[in-house]
C-alpha cells in the first residue's frame, strides 16, 4: 500500500475525490441557491416577456382596429365629399340655368323696350313729317281769309280740348 501511496496518480485521485466530496458537501447549497436564484430571475424575465408580448399583441390588435375604423371613417369622408361635390355641381348647374333664363328674359325685355322706343320714334318722326307737310300745304294753298277762319275755329275749340284727357300713344 506504501507503494500505492507513492504513486502521484493515486494521491491525485484521492485528492480529487476528497475535493469532490467536500465541494459536494459544502458547495452544494450555495450553488443550488445561486442556480435557484438564476432560475427565479429567468422565470420573472419570462413572465415579464410574456406580459410584454400580451400587451404588444393587445396594442397591435387595438392599432389594427383603430386603423380599420380610420379607413372606414376616411371612406365615409371621401364619399360625403363626393356627394357634396355632386350637390354643389348640380346646384351650380341649376343656378347657371336660372341665371341664363333671367338674362334671356332681361334681354327680351330690353329688346321689347327698344322696339317700343323705336316705334315711338318712328311714329313721332312720321307725325312731325306729316305736320310739316300739312303746314307747308296749308301755308302754300290757303288764302288769308281761309287762314283767318281756321284760326277762329281753332280758338273756339280750345275750351273743348282742355276738358278732354289726352290718350297715351
N, C-alpha and C. Protein backbone atom coordinates (compact mmCIF):
# COMPACT_ATOMS: atom_id res chain seq x y z
N UNK A 1 0.82 -1.14 0.00
CA UNK A 1 0.00 0.00 0.00
C UNK A 1 0.89 1.24 0.00
N UNK A 2 2.04 0.97 0.56
CA UNK A 2 3.02 2.01 0.61
C UNK A 2 3.43 2.43 -0.80
N UNK A 3 3.57 1.48 -1.58
CA UNK A 3 3.94 1.77 -2.96
C UNK A 3 2.78 2.51 -3.66
N UNK A 4 1.63 2.22 -3.34
CA UNK A 4 0.50 2.89 -3.92
C UNK A 4 0.45 4.34 -3.48
N UNK A 5 0.90 4.57 -2.29
CA UNK A 5 0.85 5.91 -1.76
C UNK A 5 1.95 6.75 -2.37
N UNK A 6 2.90 6.16 -2.92
CA UNK A 6 3.99 6.92 -3.50
C UNK A 6 3.70 7.27 -4.96
N UNK A 7 2.75 6.66 -5.49
CA UNK A 7 2.38 6.96 -6.88
C UNK A 7 1.60 8.29 -6.89
N UNK A 8 2.07 9.28 -7.63
CA UNK A 8 1.39 10.58 -7.62
C UNK A 8 -0.02 10.49 -8.18
N UNK A 9 -0.32 9.59 -9.03
CA UNK A 9 -1.64 9.48 -9.61
C UNK A 9 -2.66 9.07 -8.57
N UNK A 10 -2.26 8.23 -7.66
CA UNK A 10 -3.17 7.79 -6.61
C UNK A 10 -3.46 8.97 -5.70
N UNK A 11 -2.42 9.71 -5.37
CA UNK A 11 -2.61 10.87 -4.49
C UNK A 11 -3.50 11.88 -5.20
N UNK A 12 -3.28 12.06 -6.49
CA UNK A 12 -4.13 12.99 -7.24
C UNK A 12 -5.57 12.47 -7.27
N UNK A 13 -5.77 11.23 -7.42
CA UNK A 13 -7.10 10.63 -7.45
C UNK A 13 -7.80 10.79 -6.12
N UNK A 14 -7.06 10.51 -5.03
CA UNK A 14 -7.66 10.65 -3.70
C UNK A 14 -7.97 12.11 -3.44
N UNK A 15 -7.07 12.99 -3.79
CA UNK A 15 -7.28 14.43 -3.58
C UNK A 15 -8.48 14.92 -4.39
N UNK A 16 -8.53 14.44 -5.56
CA UNK A 16 -9.64 14.85 -6.41
C UNK A 16 -10.97 14.34 -5.85
N UNK A 17 -11.02 13.13 -5.40
CA UNK A 17 -12.22 12.55 -4.82
C UNK A 17 -12.59 13.30 -3.56
N UNK A 18 -11.61 13.57 -2.72
CA UNK A 18 -11.85 14.33 -1.48
C UNK A 18 -12.37 15.73 -1.82
N UNK A 19 -11.81 16.32 -2.84
CA UNK A 19 -12.26 17.66 -3.25
C UNK A 19 -13.71 17.61 -3.72
N UNK A 20 -14.04 16.60 -4.47
CA UNK A 20 -15.40 16.46 -4.97
C UNK A 20 -16.35 16.25 -3.81
N UNK A 21 -16.00 15.42 -2.86
CA UNK A 21 -16.87 15.13 -1.71
C UNK A 21 -17.05 16.40 -0.90
N UNK A 22 -15.98 17.11 -0.61
CA UNK A 22 -16.07 18.35 0.19
C UNK A 22 -16.84 19.43 -0.58
N UNK A 23 -16.57 19.51 -1.88
CA UNK A 23 -17.28 20.51 -2.69
C UNK A 23 -18.77 20.19 -2.70
N UNK A 24 -19.07 18.89 -2.77
CA UNK A 24 -20.46 18.48 -2.78
C UNK A 24 -21.11 18.81 -1.44
N UNK A 25 -20.45 18.57 -0.36
CA UNK A 25 -20.99 18.78 0.97
C UNK A 25 -21.14 20.28 1.25
N UNK A 26 -20.08 21.03 1.03
CA UNK A 26 -20.09 22.44 1.41
C UNK A 26 -20.57 23.39 0.28
N UNK A 27 -20.41 23.00 -0.94
CA UNK A 27 -20.74 23.91 -2.03
C UNK A 27 -22.09 23.67 -2.67
N UNK A 28 -22.73 22.55 -2.30
CA UNK A 28 -23.99 22.21 -2.94
C UNK A 28 -25.06 23.25 -2.63
N UNK A 29 -25.23 23.64 -1.38
CA UNK A 29 -26.29 24.58 -1.01
C UNK A 29 -26.08 25.95 -1.66
N UNK A 30 -24.89 26.53 -1.57
CA UNK A 30 -24.73 27.85 -2.23
C UNK A 30 -24.90 27.77 -3.74
N UNK A 31 -24.39 26.70 -4.35
CA UNK A 31 -24.53 26.57 -5.80
C UNK A 31 -25.99 26.39 -6.16
N UNK A 32 -26.68 25.52 -5.39
CA UNK A 32 -28.11 25.32 -5.66
C UNK A 32 -28.91 26.60 -5.41
N UNK A 33 -28.54 27.34 -4.37
CA UNK A 33 -29.23 28.61 -4.08
C UNK A 33 -28.99 29.60 -5.21
N UNK A 34 -27.74 29.63 -5.70
CA UNK A 34 -27.42 30.54 -6.82
C UNK A 34 -28.20 30.13 -8.07
N UNK A 35 -28.22 28.80 -8.34
CA UNK A 35 -28.95 28.30 -9.51
C UNK A 35 -30.44 28.58 -9.34
N UNK A 36 -31.00 28.38 -8.15
CA UNK A 36 -32.41 28.67 -7.90
C UNK A 36 -32.70 30.17 -8.10
N UNK A 37 -31.78 31.01 -7.65
CA UNK A 37 -31.93 32.46 -7.85
C UNK A 37 -31.94 32.81 -9.33
N UNK A 38 -31.04 32.19 -10.09
CA UNK A 38 -30.99 32.44 -11.52
C UNK A 38 -32.26 31.94 -12.20
N UNK A 39 -32.74 30.76 -11.74
CA UNK A 39 -33.98 30.22 -12.30
C UNK A 39 -35.13 31.17 -12.01
N UNK A 40 -35.15 31.70 -10.78
CA UNK A 40 -36.21 32.64 -10.41
C UNK A 40 -36.13 33.91 -11.26
N UNK A 41 -34.92 34.41 -11.47
CA UNK A 41 -34.73 35.60 -12.31
C UNK A 41 -35.22 35.32 -13.74
N UNK A 42 -34.84 34.15 -14.25
CA UNK A 42 -35.24 33.79 -15.62
C UNK A 42 -36.76 33.66 -15.70
N UNK A 43 -37.37 33.04 -14.67
CA UNK A 43 -38.84 32.92 -14.66
C UNK A 43 -39.50 34.30 -14.64
N UNK A 44 -38.95 35.20 -13.82
CA UNK A 44 -39.50 36.56 -13.75
C UNK A 44 -39.36 37.25 -15.12
N UNK A 45 -38.18 37.08 -15.72
CA UNK A 45 -37.96 37.69 -17.04
C UNK A 45 -38.89 37.08 -18.08
N UNK A 46 -39.09 35.75 -18.00
CA UNK A 46 -40.02 35.10 -18.94
C UNK A 46 -41.45 35.60 -18.73
N UNK A 47 -41.85 35.71 -17.45
CA UNK A 47 -43.19 36.22 -17.16
C UNK A 47 -43.35 37.66 -17.66
N UNK A 48 -42.31 38.44 -17.44
CA UNK A 48 -42.33 39.83 -17.92
C UNK A 48 -42.40 39.85 -19.44
N UNK A 49 -41.63 38.98 -20.08
CA UNK A 49 -41.63 38.92 -21.54
C UNK A 49 -43.01 38.48 -22.04
N UNK A 50 -43.62 37.51 -21.35
CA UNK A 50 -44.97 37.08 -21.74
C UNK A 50 -45.98 38.22 -21.60
N UNK A 51 -45.87 38.94 -20.47
CA UNK A 51 -46.77 40.07 -20.26
C UNK A 51 -46.56 41.14 -21.34
N UNK A 52 -45.29 41.43 -21.61
CA UNK A 52 -44.98 42.42 -22.64
C UNK A 52 -45.50 41.98 -24.00
N UNK A 53 -45.35 40.68 -24.29
CA UNK A 53 -45.84 40.17 -25.56
C UNK A 53 -47.36 40.28 -25.63
N UNK A 54 -48.04 39.93 -24.52
CA UNK A 54 -49.50 40.03 -24.49
C UNK A 54 -49.93 41.49 -24.66
N UNK A 55 -49.22 42.40 -23.97
CA UNK A 55 -49.54 43.83 -24.12
C UNK A 55 -49.28 44.29 -25.55
N UNK A 56 -48.18 43.83 -26.13
CA UNK A 56 -47.85 44.21 -27.51
C UNK A 56 -48.91 43.68 -28.47
N UNK A 57 -49.35 42.43 -28.26
CA UNK A 57 -50.39 41.88 -29.13
C UNK A 57 -51.70 42.64 -28.96
N UNK A 58 -52.03 43.00 -27.70
CA UNK A 58 -53.25 43.78 -27.45
C UNK A 58 -53.13 45.16 -28.11
N UNK A 59 -51.96 45.76 -27.98
CA UNK A 59 -51.75 47.07 -28.61
C UNK A 59 -51.82 46.95 -30.12
N UNK A 60 -51.24 45.89 -30.66
CA UNK A 60 -51.29 45.67 -32.10
C UNK A 60 -52.74 45.50 -32.57
N UNK A 61 -53.49 44.69 -31.84
CA UNK A 61 -54.90 44.48 -32.19
C UNK A 61 -55.67 45.79 -32.09
N UNK A 62 -55.39 46.57 -31.06
CA UNK A 62 -56.05 47.87 -30.88
C UNK A 62 -55.69 48.81 -32.04
N UNK A 63 -54.41 48.81 -32.40
CA UNK A 63 -53.97 49.66 -33.51
C UNK A 63 -54.62 49.23 -34.82
N UNK A 64 -54.72 47.91 -35.05
CA UNK A 64 -55.36 47.42 -36.27
C UNK A 64 -56.83 47.83 -36.29
N UNK A 65 -57.48 47.73 -35.13
CA UNK A 65 -58.89 48.13 -35.04
C UNK A 65 -59.04 49.62 -35.31
N UNK A 66 -58.15 50.42 -34.70
CA UNK A 66 -58.20 51.87 -34.93
C UNK A 66 -57.93 52.19 -36.40
N UNK A 67 -56.99 51.46 -37.00
CA UNK A 67 -56.68 51.68 -38.41
C UNK A 67 -57.90 51.34 -39.27
N UNK A 68 -58.56 50.24 -38.95
CA UNK A 68 -59.75 49.85 -39.71
C UNK A 68 -60.85 50.91 -39.56
N UNK A 69 -61.04 51.40 -38.32
CA UNK A 69 -62.04 52.45 -38.11
C UNK A 69 -61.66 53.72 -38.85
N UNK A 70 -60.37 54.06 -38.83
CA UNK A 70 -59.91 55.26 -39.53
C UNK A 70 -60.11 55.11 -41.03
N UNK A 71 -59.86 53.92 -41.58
CA UNK A 71 -60.07 53.70 -43.01
C UNK A 71 -61.55 53.84 -43.35
N UNK A 72 -62.42 53.27 -42.51
CA UNK A 72 -63.86 53.39 -42.73
C UNK A 72 -64.28 54.85 -42.66
N UNK A 73 -63.76 55.55 -41.65
CA UNK A 73 -64.10 56.97 -41.50
C UNK A 73 -63.58 57.78 -42.69
N UNK A 74 -62.38 57.45 -43.16
CA UNK A 74 -61.83 58.15 -44.33
C UNK A 74 -62.69 57.89 -45.55
N UNK A 75 -63.14 56.64 -45.72
CA UNK A 75 -64.01 56.33 -46.86
C UNK A 75 -65.33 57.11 -46.76
N UNK A 76 -65.86 57.19 -45.53
CA UNK A 76 -67.10 57.93 -45.33
C UNK A 76 -66.89 59.41 -45.66
N UNK A 77 -65.76 59.96 -45.23
CA UNK A 77 -65.47 61.37 -45.51
C UNK A 77 -65.33 61.59 -47.01
N UNK A 78 -64.64 60.67 -47.67
CA UNK A 78 -64.46 60.79 -49.13
C UNK A 78 -65.82 60.69 -49.83
N UNK A 79 -66.64 59.73 -49.41
CA UNK A 79 -67.97 59.58 -50.02
C UNK A 79 -68.82 60.84 -49.79
N UNK A 80 -68.75 61.36 -48.56
CA UNK A 80 -69.51 62.57 -48.24
C UNK A 80 -69.00 63.75 -49.08
N UNK A 81 -67.69 63.85 -49.25
CA UNK A 81 -67.13 64.93 -50.06
C UNK A 81 -67.57 64.78 -51.51
N UNK A 82 -67.60 63.54 -52.01
CA UNK A 82 -68.06 63.33 -53.39
C UNK A 82 -69.53 63.73 -53.54
N UNK A 83 -70.35 63.35 -52.55
CA UNK A 83 -71.78 63.72 -52.61
C UNK A 83 -71.93 65.24 -52.56
N UNK A 84 -71.17 65.88 -51.68
CA UNK A 84 -71.25 67.34 -51.59
C UNK A 84 -70.79 67.99 -52.88
N UNK A 85 -69.75 67.43 -53.49
CA UNK A 85 -69.27 67.98 -54.76
C UNK A 85 -70.34 67.82 -55.84
N UNK A 86 -71.00 66.66 -55.86
CA UNK A 86 -72.08 66.45 -56.83
C UNK A 86 -73.22 67.43 -56.58
N UNK A 87 -73.58 67.59 -55.29
CA UNK A 87 -74.66 68.53 -54.96
C UNK A 87 -74.28 69.95 -55.38
N UNK A 88 -73.03 70.32 -55.10
CA UNK A 88 -72.58 71.66 -55.49
C UNK A 88 -72.59 71.83 -57.01
N UNK A 89 -72.17 70.77 -57.73
CA UNK A 89 -72.19 70.84 -59.18
C UNK A 89 -73.62 70.98 -59.69
N UNK A 90 -74.54 70.18 -59.14
CA UNK A 90 -75.94 70.27 -59.55
C UNK A 90 -76.51 71.65 -59.23
N UNK A 91 -76.17 72.17 -58.04
CA UNK A 91 -76.65 73.49 -57.65
C UNK A 91 -76.09 74.56 -58.59
N UNK A 92 -74.80 74.42 -58.93
CA UNK A 92 -74.18 75.39 -59.84
C UNK A 92 -74.83 75.32 -61.22
N UNK A 93 -75.12 74.10 -61.68
CA UNK A 93 -75.79 73.96 -62.98
C UNK A 93 -77.18 74.59 -62.93
N UNK A 94 -77.92 74.34 -61.84
CA UNK A 94 -79.26 74.91 -61.70
C UNK A 94 -79.17 76.44 -61.63
N UNK A 95 -78.19 76.95 -60.88
CA UNK A 95 -78.01 78.40 -60.80
C UNK A 95 -77.65 78.98 -62.16
N UNK A 96 -76.81 78.27 -62.91
CA UNK A 96 -76.43 78.73 -64.25
C UNK A 96 -77.64 78.76 -65.17
N UNK A 97 -78.45 77.71 -65.12
CA UNK A 97 -79.66 77.66 -65.97
C UNK A 97 -80.60 78.80 -65.58
N UNK A 98 -80.80 79.01 -64.27
CA UNK A 98 -81.69 80.08 -63.81
C UNK A 98 -81.13 81.45 -64.21
N UNK A 99 -79.83 81.60 -64.08
CA UNK A 99 -79.19 82.87 -64.46
C UNK A 99 -79.33 83.12 -65.95
N UNK A 100 -79.11 82.07 -66.73
CA UNK A 100 -79.26 82.22 -68.18
C UNK A 100 -80.72 82.58 -68.53
N UNK A 101 -81.67 81.97 -67.85
CA UNK A 101 -83.08 82.27 -68.09
C UNK A 101 -83.37 83.73 -67.73
N UNK A 102 -82.85 84.19 -66.57
CA UNK A 102 -83.05 85.58 -66.17
C UNK A 102 -82.43 86.53 -67.18
N UNK A 103 -81.20 86.21 -67.62
CA UNK A 103 -80.54 87.07 -68.59
C UNK A 103 -81.31 87.07 -69.91
N UNK A 104 -81.84 85.92 -70.30
CA UNK A 104 -82.66 85.84 -71.50
C UNK A 104 -83.91 86.69 -71.38
N UNK A 105 -84.57 86.62 -70.23
CA UNK A 105 -85.75 87.43 -70.00
C UNK A 105 -85.42 88.91 -70.02
N UNK A 106 -84.31 89.27 -69.36
CA UNK A 106 -83.89 90.67 -69.34
C UNK A 106 -83.58 91.14 -70.76
N UNK A 107 -82.89 90.31 -71.53
CA UNK A 107 -82.57 90.68 -72.90
C UNK A 107 -83.85 90.84 -73.72
N UNK A 108 -84.80 89.91 -73.55
CA UNK A 108 -86.07 90.01 -74.28
C UNK A 108 -86.82 91.28 -73.87
N UNK A 109 -86.80 91.59 -72.59
CA UNK A 109 -87.46 92.81 -72.11
C UNK A 109 -86.79 94.05 -72.68
N UNK A 110 -85.48 94.07 -72.72
CA UNK A 110 -84.75 95.21 -73.29
C UNK A 110 -85.06 95.35 -74.78
N UNK A 111 -85.08 94.22 -75.48
CA UNK A 111 -85.39 94.25 -76.91
C UNK A 111 -86.80 94.81 -77.12
N UNK A 112 -87.75 94.36 -76.29
CA UNK A 112 -89.12 94.86 -76.39
C UNK A 112 -89.17 96.35 -76.13
N UNK A 113 -88.44 96.81 -75.09
CA UNK A 113 -88.43 98.24 -74.78
C UNK A 113 -87.79 99.04 -75.92
N UNK A 114 -86.68 98.55 -76.46
CA UNK A 114 -86.04 99.25 -77.58
C UNK A 114 -86.95 99.29 -78.80
N UNK A 115 -87.67 98.19 -79.00
CA UNK A 115 -88.61 98.12 -80.13
C UNK A 115 -89.71 99.15 -79.96
N UNK A 116 -90.26 99.24 -78.72
CA UNK A 116 -91.31 100.22 -78.45
C UNK A 116 -90.78 101.64 -78.63
N UNK A 117 -89.56 101.88 -78.13
CA UNK A 117 -88.97 103.21 -78.28
C UNK A 117 -88.76 103.54 -79.76
N UNK A 118 -88.27 102.55 -80.51
CA UNK A 118 -88.04 102.77 -81.93
C UNK A 118 -89.37 103.05 -82.65
N UNK A 119 -90.41 102.28 -82.29
CA UNK A 119 -91.71 102.51 -82.90
C UNK A 119 -92.24 103.90 -82.54
N UNK A 120 -92.04 104.29 -81.28
CA UNK A 120 -92.49 105.62 -80.85
C UNK A 120 -91.72 106.70 -81.61
N UNK A 121 -90.41 106.51 -81.78
CA UNK A 121 -89.60 107.48 -82.53
C UNK A 121 -90.05 107.55 -83.99
N UNK A 122 -90.33 106.39 -84.58
CA UNK A 122 -90.79 106.37 -85.96
C UNK A 122 -92.14 107.06 -86.07
N UNK A 123 -93.05 106.77 -85.10
CA UNK A 123 -94.36 107.42 -85.09
C UNK A 123 -94.21 108.93 -84.97
N UNK A 124 -93.35 109.34 -84.00
CA UNK A 124 -93.16 110.78 -83.79
C UNK A 124 -92.56 111.43 -85.04
N UNK A 125 -91.59 110.73 -85.65
CA UNK A 125 -90.99 111.29 -86.87
C UNK A 125 -92.04 111.37 -87.97
N UNK A 126 -92.90 110.36 -88.07
CA UNK A 126 -93.98 110.37 -89.07
C UNK A 126 -94.96 111.50 -88.81
N UNK A 127 -95.31 111.68 -87.54
CA UNK A 127 -96.23 112.74 -87.17
C UNK A 127 -95.61 114.10 -87.48
N UNK A 128 -94.32 114.26 -87.09
CA UNK A 128 -93.63 115.53 -87.35
C UNK A 128 -93.56 115.81 -88.85
N UNK A 129 -93.24 114.75 -89.62
CA UNK A 129 -93.17 114.93 -91.07
C UNK A 129 -94.54 115.28 -91.63
N UNK A 130 -95.61 114.60 -91.13
CA UNK A 130 -96.96 114.89 -91.59
C UNK A 130 -97.37 116.30 -91.22
N UNK A 131 -96.99 116.73 -90.02
CA UNK A 131 -97.32 118.09 -89.57
C UNK A 131 -96.61 119.12 -90.44
N UNK A 132 -95.34 118.82 -90.72
CA UNK A 132 -94.55 119.73 -91.54
C UNK A 132 -95.16 119.83 -92.94
N UNK A 133 -95.54 118.68 -93.52
CA UNK A 133 -96.14 118.68 -94.85
C UNK A 133 -97.51 119.38 -94.82
N UNK A 134 -98.28 119.10 -93.74
CA UNK A 134 -99.59 119.75 -93.63
C UNK A 134 -99.42 121.25 -93.50
N UNK A 135 -98.46 121.69 -92.69
CA UNK A 135 -98.19 123.11 -92.50
C UNK A 135 -97.79 123.75 -93.84
N UNK A 136 -96.87 123.06 -94.51
CA UNK A 136 -96.40 123.56 -95.80
C UNK A 136 -97.57 123.62 -96.79
N UNK A 137 -98.41 122.57 -96.82
CA UNK A 137 -99.54 122.52 -97.74
C UNK A 137 -100.55 123.60 -97.39
N UNK A 138 -100.78 123.81 -96.09
CA UNK A 138 -101.74 124.83 -95.67
C UNK A 138 -101.22 126.23 -95.99
N UNK A 139 -99.97 126.44 -95.72
CA UNK A 139 -99.40 127.77 -95.97
C UNK A 139 -99.39 128.06 -97.46
N UNK A 140 -99.04 127.08 -98.26
CA UNK A 140 -98.94 127.29 -99.70
C UNK A 140 -100.33 127.39 -100.36
N UNK A 141 -101.31 126.62 -99.94
CA UNK A 141 -102.59 126.53 -100.63
C UNK A 141 -103.71 127.34 -99.97
N UNK A 142 -103.53 127.85 -98.83
CA UNK A 142 -104.62 128.51 -98.12
C UNK A 142 -104.52 130.03 -98.32
N UNK A 143 -105.69 130.61 -98.48
CA UNK A 143 -105.74 132.06 -98.61
C UNK A 143 -105.80 132.69 -97.24
N UNK A 144 -105.65 134.03 -97.19
CA UNK A 144 -105.66 134.73 -95.91
C UNK A 144 -107.03 134.61 -95.25
N UNK A 145 -108.12 134.61 -96.02
CA UNK A 145 -109.47 134.52 -95.48
C UNK A 145 -109.69 133.14 -94.89
N UNK A 146 -109.25 132.13 -95.61
CA UNK A 146 -109.41 130.75 -95.10
C UNK A 146 -108.56 130.54 -93.85
N UNK A 147 -107.38 131.13 -93.79
CA UNK A 147 -106.50 131.01 -92.63
C UNK A 147 -107.14 131.67 -91.43
N UNK A 148 -107.76 132.85 -91.62
CA UNK A 148 -108.40 133.56 -90.51
C UNK A 148 -109.56 132.73 -89.98
N UNK A 149 -110.38 132.10 -90.90
CA UNK A 149 -111.49 131.26 -90.48
C UNK A 149 -110.96 130.05 -89.68
N UNK A 150 -109.88 129.44 -90.16
CA UNK A 150 -109.30 128.27 -89.48
C UNK A 150 -108.77 128.66 -88.10
N UNK A 151 -108.16 129.81 -87.98
CA UNK A 151 -107.64 130.28 -86.69
C UNK A 151 -108.79 130.53 -85.74
N UNK A 152 -109.88 131.16 -86.22
CA UNK A 152 -111.05 131.43 -85.37
C UNK A 152 -111.67 130.13 -84.88
N UNK A 153 -111.77 129.15 -85.78
CA UNK A 153 -112.34 127.84 -85.40
C UNK A 153 -111.45 127.14 -84.38
N UNK A 154 -110.11 127.19 -84.54
CA UNK A 154 -109.18 126.58 -83.59
C UNK A 154 -109.28 127.23 -82.23
N UNK A 155 -109.43 128.55 -82.20
CA UNK A 155 -109.55 129.27 -80.93
C UNK A 155 -110.85 128.86 -80.26
N UNK A 156 -111.93 128.65 -81.01
CA UNK A 156 -113.20 128.22 -80.45
C UNK A 156 -113.13 126.80 -79.91
N UNK A 157 -112.23 125.94 -80.45
CA UNK A 157 -112.10 124.54 -79.99
C UNK A 157 -111.21 124.40 -78.74
N UNK A 158 -110.51 125.44 -78.37
CA UNK A 158 -109.57 125.36 -77.22
C UNK A 158 -110.28 124.98 -75.94
N UNK A 159 -111.46 125.56 -75.58
CA UNK A 159 -112.10 125.13 -74.34
C UNK A 159 -112.49 123.65 -74.35
N UNK A 160 -112.86 123.10 -75.46
CA UNK A 160 -113.23 121.68 -75.51
C UNK A 160 -111.99 120.78 -75.45
N UNK A 161 -110.82 121.24 -75.90
CA UNK A 161 -109.59 120.44 -75.84
C UNK A 161 -109.09 120.30 -74.41
N UNK A 162 -109.31 121.33 -73.59
CA UNK A 162 -108.83 121.26 -72.20
C UNK A 162 -109.58 120.23 -71.40
N UNK A 163 -110.87 120.01 -71.66
CA UNK A 163 -111.66 119.08 -70.88
C UNK A 163 -111.38 117.64 -71.27
N UNK A 164 -110.91 117.40 -72.49
CA UNK A 164 -110.60 116.02 -72.89
C UNK A 164 -109.24 115.62 -72.36
N UNK A 165 -109.13 114.40 -71.95
CA UNK A 165 -107.85 113.88 -71.46
C UNK A 165 -107.08 113.32 -72.64
N UNK A 166 -105.81 113.61 -72.71
CA UNK A 166 -105.02 113.07 -73.83
C UNK A 166 -104.86 111.57 -73.67
N UNK A 167 -104.86 110.87 -74.79
CA UNK A 167 -104.69 109.43 -74.80
C UNK A 167 -103.22 109.09 -74.99
N UNK A 168 -102.81 108.03 -74.34
CA UNK A 168 -101.40 107.60 -74.49
C UNK A 168 -101.21 106.99 -75.85
N UNK A 169 -100.05 107.18 -76.41
CA UNK A 169 -99.74 106.66 -77.75
C UNK A 169 -99.47 105.19 -77.70
